[in-house]
Amino acid sequence: MACQILIGKVDQIPKGEARTFDVNGLHIAVYHTHSGEVFATQPDCPHRGGPLADGLIGGTTILCPLHDRSFDLRTGKNLSGDCTDIRAYPVILRQDGGIALQIDLETSCNTQQKAQA
């Protein structure tokens, strides 16, 4: 079951930075690009577990702070060619500045505040 979960407000994340949110036990990195776009991915780099929310954001790319692996924030695709892709989550930036995450975890949908579509 897919649902939208309101996880916070965009003003919690300065442009060009990211934060990690806990969604019912699932950690998700949320990025606010310099252009104002918002993306969400798994929080750890598959190469050596680097914290992606601490990486450098360039356009729609995140660069892992440990070993410079890069990923496309839109798709999760590994752009370095030497490790696996990351999971990217659909995000909706609401008019009121709310960040709604589209997620397929039924337990999250039942226990977290559901975003109004």
N, C-alpha and C. Protein backbone atom coordinates (compact mmCIF):
# COMPACT_ATOMS: atom_id res chain seq x y z
N MET A 1 0.84 -1.18 0.00
CA MET A 1 0.00 0.00 0.00
C MET A 1 0.89 1.24 0.00
N ALA A 2 0.66 2.12 -0.93
CA ALA A 2 1.41 3.38 -1.01
C ALA A 2 0.61 4.48 -0.33
N CYS A 3 1.31 5.34 0.39
CA CYS A 3 0.65 6.48 1.01
C CYS A 3 1.64 7.63 1.06
N GLN A 4 1.11 8.80 1.35
CA GLN A 4 1.95 9.98 1.53
C GLN A 4 2.04 10.28 3.02
N ILE A 5 3.27 10.51 3.50
CA ILE A 5 3.50 10.82 4.90
C ILE A 5 4.18 12.18 4.98
N LEU A 6 3.58 13.08 5.72
CA LEU A 6 4.18 14.39 5.94
C LEU A 6 5.32 14.22 6.93
N ILE A 7 6.55 14.55 6.50
CA ILE A 7 7.72 14.31 7.37
C ILE A 7 8.33 15.58 7.93
N GLY A 8 7.95 16.74 7.44
CA GLY A 8 8.50 17.99 7.95
C GLY A 8 8.24 19.12 6.98
N LYS A 9 8.89 20.23 7.25
CA LYS A 9 8.77 21.43 6.42
C LYS A 9 10.09 21.68 5.71
N VAL A 10 10.00 22.22 4.51
CA VAL A 10 11.20 22.47 3.71
C VAL A 10 12.12 23.48 4.39
N ASP A 11 11.57 24.39 5.21
CA ASP A 11 12.44 25.37 5.87
C ASP A 11 13.28 24.76 6.99
N GLN A 12 13.08 23.48 7.30
CA GLN A 12 13.94 22.78 8.25
C GLN A 12 15.30 22.45 7.65
N ILE A 13 15.36 22.50 6.31
CA ILE A 13 16.58 22.11 5.60
C ILE A 13 17.06 23.31 4.77
N PRO A 14 18.18 23.94 5.14
CA PRO A 14 18.68 25.04 4.31
C PRO A 14 19.00 24.56 2.88
N LYS A 15 18.86 25.46 1.92
CA LYS A 15 19.20 25.11 0.53
C LYS A 15 20.64 24.65 0.45
N GLY A 16 20.86 23.60 -0.31
CA GLY A 16 22.20 23.05 -0.48
C GLY A 16 22.59 22.06 0.61
N GLU A 17 21.64 21.72 1.49
CA GLU A 17 21.93 20.79 2.58
C GLU A 17 20.91 19.67 2.61
N ALA A 18 21.13 18.73 3.51
CA ALA A 18 20.24 17.58 3.68
C ALA A 18 20.10 17.26 5.16
N ARG A 19 19.06 16.54 5.49
CA ARG A 19 18.82 16.08 6.85
C ARG A 19 18.29 14.66 6.77
N THR A 20 18.51 13.89 7.83
CA THR A 20 17.98 12.54 7.91
C THR A 20 16.75 12.55 8.80
N PHE A 21 15.67 11.96 8.31
CA PHE A 21 14.42 11.86 9.05
C PHE A 21 14.14 10.40 9.39
N ASP A 22 13.49 10.18 10.51
CA ASP A 22 13.06 8.85 10.91
C ASP A 22 11.57 8.73 10.59
N VAL A 23 11.23 7.80 9.71
CA VAL A 23 9.84 7.56 9.35
C VAL A 23 9.47 6.17 9.86
N ASN A 24 8.95 6.13 11.07
CA ASN A 24 8.55 4.88 11.70
C ASN A 24 9.67 3.83 11.67
N GLY A 25 10.86 4.25 12.05
CA GLY A 25 12.01 3.35 12.11
C GLY A 25 12.81 3.26 10.82
N LEU A 26 12.33 3.85 9.76
CA LEU A 26 13.05 3.86 8.49
C LEU A 26 13.74 5.21 8.35
N HIS A 27 15.07 5.20 8.27
CA HIS A 27 15.81 6.46 8.12
C HIS A 27 15.86 6.84 6.65
N ILE A 28 15.57 8.11 6.37
CA ILE A 28 15.53 8.62 5.01
C ILE A 28 16.26 9.95 4.96
N ALA A 29 17.18 10.10 4.00
CA ALA A 29 17.88 11.37 3.80
C ALA A 29 17.04 12.23 2.86
N VAL A 30 16.82 13.48 3.27
CA VAL A 30 16.03 14.42 2.47
C VAL A 30 16.93 15.59 2.10
N TYR A 31 16.99 15.92 0.83
CA TYR A 31 17.90 16.94 0.28
C TYR A 31 17.11 18.14 -0.23
N HIS A 32 17.62 19.34 0.05
CA HIS A 32 17.03 20.59 -0.45
C HIS A 32 18.09 21.24 -1.32
N THR A 33 17.93 21.16 -2.63
CA THR A 33 18.96 21.64 -3.54
C THR A 33 19.00 23.17 -3.57
N HIS A 34 20.09 23.69 -4.13
CA HIS A 34 20.24 25.15 -4.27
C HIS A 34 19.12 25.76 -5.10
N SER A 35 18.55 24.98 -6.03
CA SER A 35 17.47 25.49 -6.88
C SER A 35 16.10 25.36 -6.22
N GLY A 36 16.05 24.77 -5.01
CA GLY A 36 14.80 24.65 -4.28
C GLY A 36 14.08 23.32 -4.43
N GLU A 37 14.64 22.40 -5.22
CA GLU A 37 14.02 21.08 -5.36
C GLU A 37 14.28 20.25 -4.10
N VAL A 38 13.41 19.27 -3.87
CA VAL A 38 13.55 18.39 -2.71
C VAL A 38 13.55 16.94 -3.20
N PHE A 39 14.49 16.15 -2.69
CA PHE A 39 14.63 14.75 -3.04
C PHE A 39 14.82 13.93 -1.77
N ALA A 40 14.57 12.62 -1.85
CA ALA A 40 14.76 11.73 -0.70
C ALA A 40 15.38 10.42 -1.17
N THR A 41 16.32 9.91 -0.37
CA THR A 41 16.97 8.63 -0.68
C THR A 41 17.23 7.86 0.61
N GLN A 42 17.73 6.66 0.44
CA GLN A 42 18.24 5.93 1.59
C GLN A 42 19.36 6.78 2.20
N PRO A 43 19.65 6.65 3.49
CA PRO A 43 20.60 7.56 4.13
C PRO A 43 22.07 7.18 3.98
N ASP A 44 22.37 5.92 3.67
CA ASP A 44 23.75 5.45 3.69
C ASP A 44 24.24 5.05 2.30
N CYS A 45 25.48 5.38 2.02
CA CYS A 45 26.11 4.98 0.76
C CYS A 45 26.32 3.47 0.75
N PRO A 46 25.99 2.79 -0.34
CA PRO A 46 26.18 1.34 -0.39
C PRO A 46 27.64 0.90 -0.44
N HIS A 47 28.55 1.83 -0.72
CA HIS A 47 29.96 1.47 -0.80
C HIS A 47 30.53 1.11 0.56
N ARG A 48 30.47 2.04 1.51
CA ARG A 48 31.02 1.81 2.85
C ARG A 48 30.16 2.43 3.95
N GLY A 49 28.89 2.71 3.63
CA GLY A 49 27.98 3.21 4.65
C GLY A 49 28.12 4.67 5.00
N GLY A 50 28.74 5.45 4.14
CA GLY A 50 28.90 6.88 4.39
C GLY A 50 27.55 7.58 4.52
N PRO A 51 27.46 8.59 5.40
CA PRO A 51 26.19 9.32 5.59
C PRO A 51 25.93 10.28 4.44
N LEU A 52 25.05 9.92 3.54
CA LEU A 52 24.80 10.72 2.34
C LEU A 52 24.28 12.11 2.66
N ALA A 53 23.55 12.27 3.77
CA ALA A 53 23.04 13.60 4.14
C ALA A 53 24.16 14.57 4.47
N ASP A 54 25.36 14.06 4.72
CA ASP A 54 26.52 14.91 4.99
C ASP A 54 27.34 15.18 3.74
N GLY A 55 26.90 14.65 2.60
CA GLY A 55 27.64 14.81 1.35
C GLY A 55 27.42 16.15 0.70
N LEU A 56 28.08 16.35 -0.42
CA LEU A 56 27.97 17.59 -1.19
C LEU A 56 26.90 17.45 -2.26
N ILE A 57 26.00 18.43 -2.29
CA ILE A 57 24.93 18.44 -3.29
C ILE A 57 25.34 19.37 -4.43
N GLY A 58 25.27 18.85 -5.64
CA GLY A 58 25.55 19.65 -6.83
C GLY A 58 24.45 19.40 -7.85
N GLY A 59 23.59 20.37 -8.05
CA GLY A 59 22.45 20.16 -8.95
C GLY A 59 21.56 19.09 -8.39
N THR A 60 21.42 17.98 -9.11
CA THR A 60 20.61 16.86 -8.64
C THR A 60 21.49 15.64 -8.33
N THR A 61 22.70 15.91 -7.87
CA THR A 61 23.66 14.86 -7.55
C THR A 61 24.11 14.99 -6.10
N ILE A 62 24.29 13.84 -5.44
CA ILE A 62 24.87 13.83 -4.10
C ILE A 62 26.21 13.09 -4.18
N LEU A 63 27.21 13.64 -3.51
CA LEU A 63 28.55 13.07 -3.46
C LEU A 63 28.81 12.58 -2.05
N CYS A 64 29.05 11.28 -1.89
CA CYS A 64 29.28 10.69 -0.58
C CYS A 64 30.50 11.35 0.07
N PRO A 65 30.41 11.71 1.36
CA PRO A 65 31.52 12.40 2.01
C PRO A 65 32.72 11.50 2.32
N LEU A 66 32.55 10.19 2.25
CA LEU A 66 33.68 9.31 2.60
C LEU A 66 34.60 8.98 1.43
N HIS A 67 34.03 8.54 0.31
CA HIS A 67 34.87 8.05 -0.78
C HIS A 67 34.45 8.57 -2.15
N ASP A 68 33.74 9.71 -2.18
CA ASP A 68 33.40 10.41 -3.42
C ASP A 68 32.57 9.61 -4.41
N ARG A 69 31.74 8.68 -3.94
CA ARG A 69 30.79 8.03 -4.84
C ARG A 69 29.66 9.01 -5.09
N SER A 70 29.19 9.13 -6.33
CA SER A 70 28.12 10.09 -6.64
C SER A 70 26.88 9.36 -7.14
N PHE A 71 25.71 9.98 -6.83
CA PHE A 71 24.42 9.39 -7.15
C PHE A 71 23.48 10.47 -7.65
N ASP A 72 22.61 10.08 -8.58
CA ASP A 72 21.58 10.98 -9.09
C ASP A 72 20.43 10.97 -8.08
N LEU A 73 20.09 12.13 -7.53
CA LEU A 73 19.04 12.22 -6.53
C LEU A 73 17.65 11.92 -7.09
N ARG A 74 17.46 12.11 -8.39
CA ARG A 74 16.15 11.85 -9.01
C ARG A 74 15.86 10.37 -9.12
N THR A 75 16.89 9.58 -9.41
CA THR A 75 16.69 8.16 -9.71
C THR A 75 17.41 7.22 -8.75
N GLY A 76 18.43 7.72 -8.05
CA GLY A 76 19.25 6.87 -7.19
C GLY A 76 20.39 6.20 -7.94
N LYS A 77 20.50 6.45 -9.23
CA LYS A 77 21.52 5.79 -10.05
C LYS A 77 22.93 6.19 -9.62
N ASN A 78 23.78 5.17 -9.51
CA ASN A 78 25.19 5.38 -9.19
C ASN A 78 25.87 5.98 -10.42
N LEU A 79 26.48 7.13 -10.27
CA LEU A 79 27.14 7.81 -11.39
C LEU A 79 28.64 7.53 -11.42
N SER A 80 29.16 6.86 -10.39
CA SER A 80 30.59 6.54 -10.32
C SER A 80 30.92 5.23 -11.00
N GLY A 81 29.93 4.35 -11.13
CA GLY A 81 30.14 3.09 -11.82
C GLY A 81 30.80 2.00 -11.01
N ASP A 82 31.03 2.22 -9.71
CA ASP A 82 31.76 1.22 -8.94
C ASP A 82 31.05 0.74 -7.68
N CYS A 83 29.75 1.00 -7.57
CA CYS A 83 28.95 0.41 -6.49
C CYS A 83 27.49 0.41 -6.93
N THR A 84 26.61 -0.12 -6.11
CA THR A 84 25.21 -0.24 -6.49
C THR A 84 24.48 1.10 -6.41
N ASP A 85 23.31 1.14 -6.99
CA ASP A 85 22.44 2.32 -6.91
C ASP A 85 21.89 2.46 -5.50
N ILE A 86 21.35 3.63 -5.19
CA ILE A 86 20.67 3.85 -3.92
C ILE A 86 19.17 3.93 -4.17
N ARG A 87 18.40 3.73 -3.13
CA ARG A 87 16.95 3.83 -3.26
C ARG A 87 16.53 5.29 -3.18
N ALA A 88 15.76 5.72 -4.15
CA ALA A 88 15.20 7.07 -4.16
C ALA A 88 13.70 6.96 -3.89
N TYR A 89 13.19 7.89 -3.10
CA TYR A 89 11.77 7.90 -2.73
C TYR A 89 11.08 9.08 -3.39
N PRO A 90 9.87 8.89 -3.90
CA PRO A 90 9.11 10.02 -4.46
C PRO A 90 8.77 11.03 -3.35
N VAL A 91 8.94 12.31 -3.68
CA VAL A 91 8.69 13.39 -2.73
C VAL A 91 7.74 14.40 -3.37
N ILE A 92 6.84 14.91 -2.55
CA ILE A 92 5.94 15.98 -2.99
C ILE A 92 6.20 17.17 -2.09
N LEU A 93 6.54 18.31 -2.69
CA LEU A 93 6.71 19.55 -1.94
C LEU A 93 5.38 20.29 -2.02
N ARG A 94 4.70 20.36 -0.90
CA ARG A 94 3.38 20.96 -0.86
C ARG A 94 3.46 22.48 -0.88
N GLN A 95 2.35 23.13 -1.24
CA GLN A 95 2.31 24.59 -1.32
C GLN A 95 2.60 25.25 0.02
N ASP A 96 2.26 24.58 1.13
CA ASP A 96 2.50 25.15 2.45
C ASP A 96 3.92 24.89 2.95
N GLY A 97 4.79 24.30 2.10
CA GLY A 97 6.17 24.01 2.46
C GLY A 97 6.37 22.65 3.09
N GLY A 98 5.29 21.90 3.23
CA GLY A 98 5.40 20.56 3.78
C GLY A 98 6.06 19.60 2.80
N ILE A 99 6.85 18.70 3.34
CA ILE A 99 7.50 17.66 2.54
C ILE A 99 6.74 16.37 2.78
N ALA A 100 6.12 15.85 1.74
CA ALA A 100 5.38 14.59 1.83
C ALA A 100 6.17 13.51 1.09
N LEU A 101 6.38 12.42 1.77
CA LEU A 101 7.13 11.30 1.23
C LEU A 101 6.14 10.22 0.80
N GLN A 102 6.30 9.73 -0.42
CA GLN A 102 5.46 8.62 -0.89
C GLN A 102 6.21 7.34 -0.56
N ILE A 103 5.57 6.49 0.24
CA ILE A 103 6.25 5.30 0.72
C ILE A 103 5.32 4.11 0.68
N ASP A 104 5.87 2.92 0.55
CA ASP A 104 5.09 1.70 0.40
C ASP A 104 5.06 0.84 1.66
N LEU A 105 5.40 1.38 2.80
CA LEU A 105 5.37 0.60 4.03
C LEU A 105 4.02 0.76 4.72
N GLU A 106 3.27 -0.31 4.78
CA GLU A 106 1.93 -0.25 5.37
C GLU A 106 1.99 0.18 6.82
N THR A 107 2.98 -0.28 7.56
CA THR A 107 3.07 0.10 8.97
C THR A 107 3.32 1.59 9.13
N SER A 108 4.10 2.18 8.24
CA SER A 108 4.33 3.62 8.29
C SER A 108 3.05 4.37 8.00
N CYS A 109 2.28 3.89 7.06
CA CYS A 109 1.04 4.56 6.69
C CYS A 109 0.05 4.54 7.83
N ASN A 110 0.05 3.47 8.59
CA ASN A 110 -0.93 3.34 9.67
C ASN A 110 -0.53 4.08 10.94
N THR A 111 0.76 4.30 11.17
CA THR A 111 1.19 4.88 12.44
C THR A 111 1.67 6.31 12.33
N GLN A 112 1.93 6.81 11.16
CA GLN A 112 2.39 8.18 10.98
C GLN A 112 1.24 9.05 10.50
N GLN A 113 1.40 10.36 10.66
CA GLN A 113 0.38 11.28 10.17
C GLN A 113 0.37 11.22 8.64
N LYS A 114 -0.79 10.96 8.07
CA LYS A 114 -0.90 10.91 6.62
C LYS A 114 -1.07 12.32 6.08
N ALA A 115 -0.37 12.58 4.99
CA ALA A 115 -0.48 13.89 4.34
C ALA A 115 -1.77 13.94 3.54
N GLN A 116 -2.37 15.08 3.51
CA GLN A 116 -3.57 15.26 2.71
C GLN A 116 -3.17 15.47 1.26
N ALA A 117 -3.73 14.69 0.37
CA ALA A 117 -3.39 14.79 -1.05
C ALA A 117 -3.99 16.01 -1.67
